[in-house]
C-alpha atoms as a PDB file:
ATOM      1  CA  UNK A   1     -37.159 -17.398 -64.595  1.00  0.00           C
ATOM      2  CA  UNK A   2     -39.034 -19.593 -62.152  1.00  0.00           C
ATOM      3  CA  UNK A   3     -37.298 -20.922 -59.094  1.00  0.00           C
ATOM      4  CA  UNK A   4     -37.195 -24.626 -58.327  1.00  0.00           C
ATOM      5  CA  UNK A   5     -39.453 -23.944 -55.322  1.00  0.00           C
ATOM      6  CA  UNK A   6     -42.029 -22.297 -57.600  1.00  0.00           C
ATOM      7  CA  UNK A   7     -41.933 -25.254 -59.974  1.00  0.00           C
ATOM      8  CA  UNK A   8     -42.479 -27.574 -57.011  1.00  0.00           C
ATOM      9  CA  UNK A   9     -45.471 -25.452 -55.994  1.00  0.00           C
ATOM     10  CA  UNK A  10     -47.024 -25.679 -59.465  1.00  0.00           C
ATOM     11  CA  UNK A  11     -46.647 -29.460 -59.639  1.00  0.00           C
ATOM     12  CA  UNK A  12     -48.143 -29.737 -56.141  1.00  0.00           C
ATOM     13  CA  UNK A  13     -51.182 -27.689 -57.240  1.00  0.00           C
ATOM     14  CA  UNK A  14     -51.642 -29.893 -60.299  1.00  0.00           C
ATOM     15  CA  UNK A  15     -51.351 -33.101 -58.284  1.00  0.00           C
ATOM     16  CA  UNK A  16     -53.712 -31.894 -55.556  1.00  0.00           C
ATOM     17  CA  UNK A  17     -56.241 -30.393 -57.992  1.00  0.00           C
ATOM     18  CA  UNK A  18     -57.269 -28.030 -55.244  1.00  0.00           C
ATOM     19  CA  UNK A  19     -55.598 -24.867 -53.929  1.00  0.00           C
ATOM     20  CA  UNK A  20     -56.588 -25.504 -50.319  1.00  0.00           C
ATOM     21  CA  UNK A  21     -55.128 -29.017 -50.305  1.00  0.00           C
ATOM     22  CA  UNK A  22     -52.011 -27.869 -52.196  1.00  0.00           C
ATOM     23  CA  UNK A  23     -51.490 -25.009 -49.730  1.00  0.00           C
ATOM     24  CA  UNK A  24     -51.568 -27.450 -46.820  1.00  0.00           C
ATOM     25  CA  UNK A  25     -49.013 -29.704 -48.515  1.00  0.00           C
ATOM     26  CA  UNK A  26     -46.694 -26.734 -49.125  1.00  0.00           C
ATOM     27  CA  UNK A  27     -47.118 -25.378 -45.601  1.00  0.00           C
ATOM     28  CA  UNK A  28     -48.876 -22.213 -46.805  1.00  0.00           C
ATOM     29  CA  UNK A  29     -52.244 -20.603 -46.326  1.00  0.00           C
ATOM     30  CA  UNK A  30     -54.672 -20.811 -49.236  1.00  0.00           C
ATOM     31  CA  UNK A  31     -54.590 -17.011 -49.818  1.00  0.00           C
ATOM     32  CA  UNK A  32     -50.772 -17.033 -49.828  1.00  0.00           C
ATOM     33  CA  UNK A  33     -50.712 -19.832 -52.392  1.00  0.00           C
ATOM     34  CA  UNK A  34     -53.302 -18.081 -54.568  1.00  0.00           C
ATOM     35  CA  UNK A  35     -51.234 -14.896 -54.440  1.00  0.00           C
ATOM     36  CA  UNK A  36     -48.072 -16.798 -55.435  1.00  0.00           C
ATOM     37  CA  UNK A  37     -49.868 -18.439 -58.357  1.00  0.00           C
ATOM     38  CA  UNK A  38     -51.144 -15.072 -59.606  1.00  0.00           C
ATOM     39  CA  UNK A  39     -47.622 -13.607 -59.436  1.00  0.00           C
ATOM     40  CA  UNK A  40     -46.216 -16.522 -61.443  1.00  0.00           C
ATOM     41  CA  UNK A  41     -48.950 -16.208 -64.074  1.00  0.00           C
ATOM     42  CA  UNK A  42     -48.419 -12.445 -64.317  1.00  0.00           C
ATOM     43  CA  UNK A  43     -44.688 -12.894 -64.742  1.00  0.00           C
ATOM     44  CA  UNK A  44     -45.163 -15.499 -67.492  1.00  0.00           C
ATOM     45  CA  UNK A  45     -48.072 -13.684 -69.124  1.00  0.00           C
ATOM     46  CA  UNK A  46     -50.029 -16.948 -69.193  1.00  0.00           C
ATOM     47  CA  UNK A  47     -52.929 -18.443 -67.271  1.00  0.00           C
ATOM     48  CA  UNK A  48     -51.669 -21.754 -65.950  1.00  0.00           C
ATOM     49  CA  UNK A  49     -54.759 -23.082 -64.144  1.00  0.00           C
ATOM     50  CA  UNK A  50     -58.493 -22.727 -64.690  1.00  0.00           C
ATOM     51  CA  UNK A  51     -60.287 -22.178 -61.386  1.00  0.00           C
ATOM     52  CA  UNK A  52     -63.633 -23.880 -60.919  1.00  0.00           C
ATOM     53  CA  UNK A  53     -66.011 -25.033 -58.206  1.00  0.00           C
ATOM     54  CA  UNK A  54     -64.467 -28.492 -58.194  1.00  0.00           C
ATOM     55  CA  UNK A  55     -60.885 -27.247 -58.064  1.00  0.00           C
ATOM     56  CA  UNK A  56     -58.238 -26.255 -60.586  1.00  0.00           C
ATOM     57  CA  UNK A  57     -57.178 -27.805 -63.897  1.00  0.00           C
ATOM     58  CA  UNK A  58     -54.104 -26.944 -65.962  1.00  0.00           C
ATOM     59  CA  UNK A  59     -54.508 -24.900 -69.115  1.00  0.00           C
ATOM     60  CA  UNK A  60     -52.668 -25.803 -72.293  1.00  0.00           C
ATOM     61  CA  UNK A  61     -49.800 -23.514 -71.245  1.00  0.00           C
ATOM     62  CA  UNK A  62     -49.956 -24.944 -67.746  1.00  0.00           C
ATOM     63  CA  UNK A  63     -49.729 -28.506 -69.055  1.00  0.00           C
ATOM     64  CA  UNK A  64     -46.674 -27.618 -71.137  1.00  0.00           C
ATOM     65  CA  UNK A  65     -45.003 -25.986 -68.146  1.00  0.00           C
ATOM     66  CA  UNK A  66     -45.895 -28.862 -65.820  1.00  0.00           C
ATOM     67  CA  UNK A  67     -44.436 -31.451 -68.186  1.00  0.00           C
ATOM     68  CA  UNK A  68     -41.164 -29.542 -68.316  1.00  0.00           C
ATOM     69  CA  UNK A  69     -41.247 -28.978 -64.557  1.00  0.00           C
ATOM     70  CA  UNK A  70     -41.650 -32.706 -63.912  1.00  0.00           C
ATOM     71  CA  UNK A  71     -38.744 -33.438 -66.246  1.00  0.00           C
ATOM     72  CA  UNK A  72     -36.619 -31.001 -64.261  1.00  0.00           C
ATOM     73  CA  UNK A  73     -37.699 -32.614 -60.987  1.00  0.00           C
ATOM     74  CA  UNK A  74     -36.692 -36.048 -62.272  1.00  0.00           C
ATOM     75  CA  UNK A  75     -33.341 -34.691 -63.455  1.00  0.00           C
ATOM     76  CA  UNK A  76     -32.784 -33.034 -60.089  1.00  0.00           C
ATOM     77  CA  UNK A  77     -33.559 -36.248 -58.219  1.00  0.00           C
ATOM     78  CA  UNK A  78     -31.222 -38.156 -60.527  1.00  0.00           C
ATOM     79  CA  UNK A  79     -28.515 -35.590 -59.774  1.00  0.00           C
ATOM     80  CA  UNK A  80     -29.110 -35.882 -56.033  1.00  0.00           C
ATOM     81  CA  UNK A  81     -28.884 -39.679 -56.253  1.00  0.00           C
ATOM     82  CA  UNK A  82     -25.685 -39.455 -58.300  1.00  0.00           C
ATOM     83  CA  UNK A  83     -24.167 -37.077 -55.765  1.00  0.00           C
ATOM     84  CA  UNK A  84     -25.089 -39.395 -52.903  1.00  0.00           C
ATOM     85  CA  UNK A  85     -23.514 -42.322 -54.735  1.00  0.00           C
ATOM     86  CA  UNK A  86     -20.386 -40.271 -55.391  1.00  0.00           C
ATOM     87  CA  UNK A  87     -20.253 -39.347 -51.713  1.00  0.00           C
ATOM     88  CA  UNK A  88     -20.509 -42.983 -50.650  1.00  0.00           C
ATOM     89  CA  UNK A  89     -18.663 -44.754 -53.479  1.00  0.00           C
ATOM     90  CA  UNK A  90     -14.941 -44.908 -54.176  1.00  0.00           C
ATOM     91  CA  UNK A  91     -15.105 -43.372 -57.650  1.00  0.00           C
ATOM     92  CA  UNK A  92     -13.871 -40.264 -59.433  1.00  0.00           C
ATOM     93  CA  UNK A  93     -10.733 -38.436 -60.507  1.00  0.00           C
ATOM     94  CA  UNK A  94      -8.267 -37.228 -57.882  1.00  0.00           C
ATOM     95  CA  UNK A  95      -5.019 -35.306 -58.172  1.00  0.00           C
ATOM     96  CA  UNK A  96      -1.947 -35.980 -56.044  1.00  0.00           C
ATOM     97  CA  UNK A  97       0.876 -33.431 -56.097  1.00  0.00           C
ATOM     98  CA  UNK A  98       4.291 -34.879 -55.219  1.00  0.00           C
ATOM     99  CA  UNK A  99       7.936 -34.319 -56.161  1.00  0.00           C
ATOM    100  CA  UNK A 100       8.956 -36.790 -58.870  1.00  0.00           C
ATOM    101  CA  UNK A 101      11.787 -38.295 -56.799  1.00  0.00           C
ATOM    102  CA  UNK A 102       9.607 -38.623 -53.697  1.00  0.00           C
ATOM    103  CA  UNK A 103       6.960 -40.268 -55.876  1.00  0.00           C
ATOM    104  CA  UNK A 104       9.395 -42.999 -56.954  1.00  0.00           C
ATOM    105  CA  UNK A 105       9.661 -44.219 -53.353  1.00  0.00           C
ATOM    106  CA  UNK A 106       6.086 -43.583 -52.187  1.00  0.00           C
ATOM    107  CA  UNK A 107       3.503 -43.983 -54.959  1.00  0.00           C
ATOM    108  CA  UNK A 108       4.346 -47.640 -55.827  1.00  0.00           C
ATOM    109  CA  UNK A 109       3.754 -48.562 -52.187  1.00  0.00           C
ATOM    110  CA  UNK A 110       0.054 -47.676 -52.258  1.00  0.00           C
ATOM    111  CA  UNK A 111      -1.208 -46.884 -55.778  1.00  0.00           C
ATOM    112  CA  UNK A 112      -1.220 -50.333 -57.470  1.00  0.00           C
ATOM    113  CA  UNK A 113      -3.328 -52.021 -54.786  1.00  0.00           C
ATOM    114  CA  UNK A 114      -5.553 -48.969 -54.298  1.00  0.00           C
ATOM    115  CA  UNK A 115      -6.404 -48.731 -57.994  1.00  0.00           C
ATOM    116  CA  UNK A 116      -6.778 -52.487 -58.335  1.00  0.00           C
ATOM    117  CA  UNK A 117      -9.307 -52.524 -55.484  1.00  0.00           C
ATOM    118  CA  UNK A 118     -11.279 -49.592 -56.905  1.00  0.00           C
ATOM    119  CA  UNK A 119     -11.556 -49.785 -60.727  1.00  0.00           C
ATOM    120  CA  UNK A 120     -13.576 -46.556 -60.998  1.00  0.00           C
ATOM    121  CA  UNK A 121     -10.993 -44.515 -59.125  1.00  0.00           C
ATOM    122  CA  UNK A 122      -8.491 -42.495 -61.157  1.00  0.00           C
ATOM    123  CA  UNK A 123      -5.342 -40.887 -59.761  1.00  0.00           C
ATOM    124  CA  UNK A 124      -3.473 -38.133 -61.595  1.00  0.00           C
ATOM    125  CA  UNK A 125       0.041 -37.202 -60.460  1.00  0.00           C
ATOM    126  CA  UNK A 126       1.406 -33.652 -60.548  1.00  0.00           C
ATOM    127  CA  UNK A 127       5.187 -33.544 -60.087  1.00  0.00           C
ATOM    128  CA  UNK A 128       6.449 -30.394 -58.368  1.00  0.00           C
ATOM    129  CA  UNK A 129       8.976 -29.274 -55.744  1.00  0.00           C
ATOM    130  CA  UNK A 130       7.590 -29.607 -52.222  1.00  0.00           C
ATOM    131  CA  UNK A 131       7.105 -25.857 -51.747  1.00  0.00           C
ATOM    132  CA  UNK A 132       4.957 -25.805 -54.894  1.00  0.00           C
ATOM    133  CA  UNK A 133       3.028 -28.866 -53.736  1.00  0.00           C
ATOM    134  CA  UNK A 134       1.825 -26.876 -50.721  1.00  0.00           C
ATOM    135  CA  UNK A 135       0.714 -23.973 -52.919  1.00  0.00           C
ATOM    136  CA  UNK A 136      -1.032 -26.331 -55.343  1.00  0.00           C
ATOM    137  CA  UNK A 137      -3.073 -27.982 -52.587  1.00  0.00           C
ATOM    138  CA  UNK A 138      -3.941 -24.588 -51.089  1.00  0.00           C
ATOM    139  CA  UNK A 139      -5.173 -23.418 -54.487  1.00  0.00           C
ATOM    140  CA  UNK A 140      -7.291 -26.610 -54.784  1.00  0.00           C
ATOM    141  CA  UNK A 141      -5.448 -27.538 -57.974  1.00  0.00           C
ATOM    142  CA  UNK A 142      -4.670 -30.882 -56.290  1.00  0.00           C
ATOM    143  CA  UNK A 143      -6.725 -32.892 -53.825  1.00  0.00           C
ATOM    144  CA  UNK A 144      -3.748 -34.177 -51.852  1.00  0.00           C
ATOM    145  CA  UNK A 145      -0.021 -33.655 -51.683  1.00  0.00           C
ATOM    146  CA  UNK A 146       3.034 -35.469 -50.386  1.00  0.00           C
ATOM    147  CA  UNK A 147       5.725 -32.977 -49.438  1.00  0.00           C
ATOM    148  CA  UNK A 148       9.076 -32.817 -47.673  1.00  0.00           C
ATOM    149  CA  UNK A 149       9.012 -30.490 -44.647  1.00  0.00           C
ATOM    150  CA  UNK A 150       5.850 -28.651 -45.735  1.00  0.00           C
ATOM    151  CA  UNK A 151       5.274 -25.219 -44.214  1.00  0.00           C
ATOM    152  CA  UNK A 152       2.265 -25.270 -41.845  1.00  0.00           C
ATOM    153  CA  UNK A 153      -0.768 -23.267 -42.917  1.00  0.00           C
ATOM    154  CA  UNK A 154      -4.075 -22.726 -41.071  1.00  0.00           C
ATOM    155  CA  UNK A 155      -6.043 -24.070 -44.051  1.00  0.00           C
ATOM    156  CA  UNK A 156      -3.992 -27.271 -44.320  1.00  0.00           C
ATOM    157  CA  UNK A 157      -3.945 -30.555 -42.446  1.00  0.00           C
ATOM    158  CA  UNK A 158      -0.433 -32.038 -42.297  1.00  0.00           C
ATOM    159  CA  UNK A 159      -0.060 -35.712 -41.390  1.00  0.00           C
ATOM    160  CA  UNK A 160       3.443 -37.111 -40.999  1.00  0.00           C
ATOM    161  CA  UNK A 161       4.073 -40.250 -43.052  1.00  0.00           C
ATOM    162  CA  UNK A 162       7.694 -41.058 -42.245  1.00  0.00           C
ATOM    163  CA  UNK A 163      11.049 -39.444 -41.479  1.00  0.00           C
ATOM    164  CA  UNK A 164      14.024 -39.267 -43.778  1.00  0.00           C
ATOM    165  CA  UNK A 165      17.458 -37.764 -43.301  1.00  0.00           C
ATOM    166  CA  UNK A 166      19.847 -36.029 -45.656  1.00  0.00           C
ATOM    167  CA  UNK A 167      23.492 -37.005 -45.357  1.00  0.00           C
ATOM    168  CA  UNK A 168      26.703 -37.917 -47.161  1.00  0.00           C
ATOM    169  CA  UNK A 169      26.981 -41.347 -48.796  1.00  0.00           C
ATOM    170  CA  UNK A 170      29.645 -43.313 -50.662  1.00  0.00           C
ATOM    171  CA  UNK A 171      30.113 -46.774 -52.130  1.00  0.00           C
ATOM    172  CA  UNK A 172      33.146 -47.368 -49.919  1.00  0.00           C
ATOM    173  CA  UNK A 173      33.977 -45.692 -46.617  1.00  0.00           C
ATOM    174  CA  UNK A 174      37.516 -44.975 -47.882  1.00  0.00           C
ATOM    175  CA  UNK A 175      36.042 -42.488 -50.350  1.00  0.00           C
ATOM    176  CA  UNK A 176      35.224 -40.090 -47.514  1.00  0.00           C
ATOM    177  CA  UNK A 177      38.923 -39.779 -46.645  1.00  0.00           C
ATOM    178  CA  UNK A 178      40.270 -39.906 -50.209  1.00  0.00           C
ATOM    179  CA  UNK A 179      41.296 -36.389 -51.379  1.00  0.00           C
ATOM    180  CA  UNK A 180      40.669 -37.444 -54.993  1.00  0.00           C
ATOM    181  CA  UNK A 181      36.994 -38.155 -54.320  1.00  0.00           C
ATOM    182  CA  UNK A 182      34.413 -35.868 -55.914  1.00  0.00           C
ATOM    183  CA  UNK A 183      31.644 -34.427 -53.755  1.00  0.00           C
ATOM    184  CA  UNK A 184      28.356 -34.219 -55.706  1.00  0.00           C
ATOM    185  CA  UNK A 185      25.483 -32.171 -54.308  1.00  0.00           C
ATOM    186  CA  UNK A 186      22.134 -30.722 -55.307  1.00  0.00           C
ATOM    187  CA  UNK A 187      22.336 -27.004 -54.425  1.00  0.00           C
ATOM    188  CA  UNK A 188      18.548 -26.685 -54.685  1.00  0.00           C
ATOM    189  CA  UNK A 189      17.933 -28.949 -51.710  1.00  0.00           C
ATOM    190  CA  UNK A 190      17.120 -26.750 -48.684  1.00  0.00           C
ATOM    191  CA  UNK A 191      19.581 -28.673 -46.490  1.00  0.00           C
ATOM    192  CA  UNK A 192      22.586 -28.440 -48.834  1.00  0.00           C
ATOM    193  CA  UNK A 193      24.057 -25.083 -47.762  1.00  0.00           C
ATOM    194  CA  UNK A 194      23.817 -25.894 -44.057  1.00  0.00           C
ATOM    195  CA  UNK A 195      25.314 -29.371 -44.444  1.00  0.00           C
ATOM    196  CA  UNK A 196      28.220 -28.084 -46.545  1.00  0.00           C
ATOM    197  CA  UNK A 197      29.025 -25.544 -43.828  1.00  0.00           C
ATOM    198  CA  UNK A 198      28.954 -28.259 -41.181  1.00  0.00           C
ATOM    199  CA  UNK A 199      31.123 -30.480 -43.368  1.00  0.00           C
ATOM    200  CA  UNK A 200      34.006 -28.000 -43.127  1.00  0.00           C
ATOM    201  CA  UNK A 201      34.596 -29.014 -39.511  1.00  0.00           C
ATOM    202  CA  UNK A 202      33.752 -32.711 -39.889  1.00  0.00           C
ATOM    203  CA  UNK A 203      36.612 -35.111 -39.029  1.00  0.00           C
ATOM    204  CA  UNK A 204      38.485 -37.132 -41.655  1.00  0.00           C
ATOM    205  CA  UNK A 205      36.592 -35.737 -44.666  1.00  0.00           C
ATOM    206  CA  UNK A 206      39.055 -35.135 -47.508  1.00  0.00           C
ATOM    207  CA  UNK A 207      37.110 -34.585 -50.754  1.00  0.00           C
ATOM    208  CA  UNK A 208      37.809 -31.093 -52.114  1.00  0.00           C
ATOM    209  CA  UNK A 209      36.199 -30.918 -55.561  1.00  0.00           C
ATOM    210  CA  UNK A 210      32.472 -30.232 -55.695  1.00  0.00           C
ATOM    211  CA  UNK A 211      30.120 -30.987 -58.574  1.00  0.00           C
ATOM    212  CA  UNK A 212      26.598 -29.535 -58.602  1.00  0.00           C
ATOM    213  CA  UNK A 213      23.514 -31.100 -60.178  1.00  0.00           C
ATOM    214  CA  UNK A 214      19.790 -30.786 -59.615  1.00  0.00           C
ATOM    215  CA  UNK A 215      19.239 -34.498 -60.342  1.00  0.00           C
ATOM    216  CA  UNK A 216      19.329 -36.694 -57.251  1.00  0.00           C
ATOM    217  CA  UNK A 217      19.233 -39.844 -59.357  1.00  0.00           C
ATOM    218  CA  UNK A 218      22.418 -38.673 -61.091  1.00  0.00           C
ATOM    219  CA  UNK A 219      24.080 -38.289 -57.691  1.00  0.00           C
ATOM    220  CA  UNK A 220      23.012 -41.862 -56.923  1.00  0.00           C
ATOM    221  CA  UNK A 221      24.563 -43.065 -60.187  1.00  0.00           C
ATOM    222  CA  UNK A 222      27.781 -41.127 -59.529  1.00  0.00           C
ATOM    223  CA  UNK A 223      28.136 -42.698 -56.090  1.00  0.00           C
ATOM    224  CA  UNK A 224      27.505 -46.145 -57.564  1.00  0.00           C
ATOM    225  CA  UNK A 225      30.297 -45.521 -60.075  1.00  0.00           C
ATOM    226  CA  UNK A 226      32.828 -45.026 -57.280  1.00  0.00           C
ATOM    227  CA  UNK A 227      35.219 -42.227 -56.400  1.00  0.00           C
ATOM    228  CA  UNK A 228      32.279 -40.072 -55.360  1.00  0.00           C
ATOM    229  CA  UNK A 229      30.666 -38.848 -52.171  1.00  0.00           C
ATOM    230  CA  UNK A 230      27.035 -37.854 -52.673  1.00  0.00           C
ATOM    231  CA  UNK A 231      24.713 -35.713 -50.594  1.00  0.00           C
ATOM    232  CA  UNK A 232      21.497 -37.724 -50.678  1.00  0.00           C
ATOM    233  CA  UNK A 233      18.315 -38.468 -48.758  1.00  0.00           C
ATOM    234  CA  UNK A 234      18.540 -41.797 -46.956  1.00  0.00           C
ATOM    235  CA  UNK A 235      15.469 -42.893 -48.932  1.00  0.00           C
ATOM    236  CA  UNK A 236      17.491 -42.900 -52.149  1.00  0.00           C
ATOM    237  CA  UNK A 237      20.713 -44.223 -50.644  1.00  0.00           C
ATOM    238  CA  UNK A 238      19.182 -47.126 -48.741  1.00  0.00           C
ATOM    239  CA  UNK A 239      16.902 -48.169 -51.610  1.00  0.00           C
ATOM    240  CA  UNK A 240      19.486 -47.919 -54.373  1.00  0.00           C
ATOM    241  CA  UNK A 241      19.428 -50.796 -56.835  1.00  0.00           C
ATOM    242  CA  UNK A 242      22.806 -49.688 -58.211  1.00  0.00           C
ATOM    243  CA  UNK A 243      25.015 -50.323 -55.207  1.00  0.00           C
ATOM    244  CA  UNK A 244      25.044 -50.637 -51.443  1.00  0.00           C
ATOM    245  CA  UNK A 245      25.779 -47.192 -50.046  1.00  0.00           C
ATOM    246  CA  UNK A 246      27.528 -46.406 -46.810  1.00  0.00           C
ATOM    247  CA  UNK A 247      26.830 -43.308 -44.729  1.00  0.00           C
ATOM    248  CA  UNK A 248      29.475 -40.877 -43.517  1.00  0.00           C
ATOM    249  CA  UNK A 249      29.000 -41.794 -39.876  1.00  0.00           C
ATOM    250  CA  UNK A 250      31.063 -38.917 -38.496  1.00  0.00           C
ATOM    251  CA  UNK A 251      29.481 -36.376 -40.802  1.00  0.00           C
ATOM    252  CA  UNK A 252      26.548 -34.030 -40.451  1.00  0.00           C
ATOM    253  CA  UNK A 253      23.009 -34.977 -41.367  1.00  0.00           C
ATOM    254  CA  UNK A 254      19.650 -33.266 -41.196  1.00  0.00           C
ATOM    255  CA  UNK A 255      16.265 -34.826 -40.618  1.00  0.00           C
ATOM    256  CA  UNK A 256      13.375 -34.353 -43.031  1.00  0.00           C
ATOM    257  CA  UNK A 257       9.712 -35.117 -42.489  1.00  0.00           C
ATOM    258  CA  UNK A 258       7.578 -36.376 -45.337  1.00  0.00           C
ATOM    259  CA  UNK A 259       3.923 -35.488 -44.825  1.00  0.00           C
ATOM    260  CA  UNK A 260       0.564 -35.964 -46.459  1.00  0.00           C
ATOM    261  CA  UNK A 261      -1.166 -32.615 -46.915  1.00  0.00           C
ATOM    262  CA  UNK A 262      -4.746 -31.670 -47.704  1.00  0.00           C
ATOM    263  CA  UNK A 263      -7.054 -28.736 -47.240  1.00  0.00           C
ATOM    264  CA  UNK A 264      -8.970 -28.848 -43.961  1.00  0.00           C
ATOM    265  CA  UNK A 265     -12.239 -28.308 -45.844  1.00  0.00           C
ATOM    266  CA  UNK A 266     -11.597 -30.924 -48.514  1.00  0.00           C
ATOM    267  CA  UNK A 267     -11.923 -34.641 -48.909  1.00  0.00           C
ATOM    268  CA  UNK A 268     -15.079 -35.778 -47.133  1.00  0.00           C
ATOM    269  CA  UNK A 269     -16.084 -38.304 -49.786  1.00  0.00           C
ATOM    270  CA  UNK A 270     -15.532 -42.022 -49.387  1.00  0.00           C
ATOM    271  CA  UNK A 271     -13.005 -41.908 -52.221  1.00  0.00           C
ATOM    272  CA  UNK A 272     -10.923 -39.173 -50.585  1.00  0.00           C
ATOM    273  CA  UNK A 273     -10.947 -41.014 -47.257  1.00  0.00           C
ATOM    274  CA  UNK A 274      -9.967 -44.264 -48.968  1.00  0.00           C
ATOM    275  CA  UNK A 275      -7.022 -42.644 -50.762  1.00  0.00           C
ATOM    276  CA  UNK A 276      -5.762 -41.035 -47.542  1.00  0.00           C
ATOM    277  CA  UNK A 277      -6.072 -44.302 -45.635  1.00  0.00           C
ATOM    278  CA  UNK A 278      -4.191 -46.213 -48.346  1.00  0.00           C
ATOM    279  CA  UNK A 279      -1.331 -43.696 -48.317  1.00  0.00           C
ATOM    280  CA  UNK A 280      -1.104 -43.537 -44.529  1.00  0.00           C
ATOM    281  CA  UNK A 281      -1.266 -47.305 -44.062  1.00  0.00           C
ATOM    282  CA  UNK A 282       1.295 -48.147 -46.743  1.00  0.00           C
ATOM    283  CA  UNK A 283       3.884 -45.524 -45.844  1.00  0.00           C
ATOM    284  CA  UNK A 284       3.608 -45.960 -42.099  1.00  0.00           C
ATOM    285  CA  UNK A 285       3.730 -49.748 -42.174  1.00  0.00           C
ATOM    286  CA  UNK A 286       6.577 -49.970 -44.712  1.00  0.00           C
ATOM    287  CA  UNK A 287       8.249 -46.558 -44.971  1.00  0.00           C
ATOM    288  CA  UNK A 288      11.070 -46.104 -47.504  1.00  0.00           C
ATOM    289  CA  UNK A 289      13.474 -45.480 -44.606  1.00  0.00           C
ATOM    290  CA  UNK A 290      12.913 -48.333 -42.173  1.00  0.00           C
ATOM    291  CA  UNK A 291      16.017 -48.131 -40.054  1.00  0.00           C
ATOM    292  CA  UNK A 292      18.351 -45.554 -38.631  1.00  0.00           C
ATOM    293  CA  UNK A 293      21.790 -45.718 -40.183  1.00  0.00           C
END
């Protein structure tokens, strides 16, 4: 198989019509170029150029090879141009890994305008727990991720978007002190075990029965129905369309940081930069949690 450099050399010889002139254009000596040409011809088992006093002319085999070589050169230049355009244009398919619940409160803040502004940009969402989001970005199965309290890694760049907090919420403050209230929690949330321990010494909290569910939106609905205290991120509680929720002011809470994550060696195209900027701008200017409660 001939290398691209060898094909370039052959087309240069044909264009120059003279080995001395072709050698100068390729930055070689004439003997070195002649030796290279002989090696190529030996490898192919074909004479590619007829040598004469006035220079060199392609043989029939040489003409066939040169035509194909020029086609390959044109294709290569087209590929280079396409790659440059991709580098500079906001186009292509990108994957964003994000927990489904986090996505509800983040993606609508940036995606509609971003995709409207850039019709050739496509965004695919992968919904995973935050710990899996980190692994997915590390494995380059996603271009970007939005994760809650992501674990730092030397190959990742973490950029904080906004801060949330996990706490206890109810429709009415009396439900915190009502012994008939039901406490609904998601045991899979990393903060749940610690907050339940702290709750044992919290003042005035009376709910005794605990219901477990992995669905935060169900906890939101239970709180909206009344008679329930829910352990929820402030993002969900403060943005609930079902009811106005009140925090347990004397109770424990834990802060959470929502961050944009990417590989340090990824995302140098205009499209990747544009997506990052859209996410950062939208979630920093109007974060889902805009006030301390």
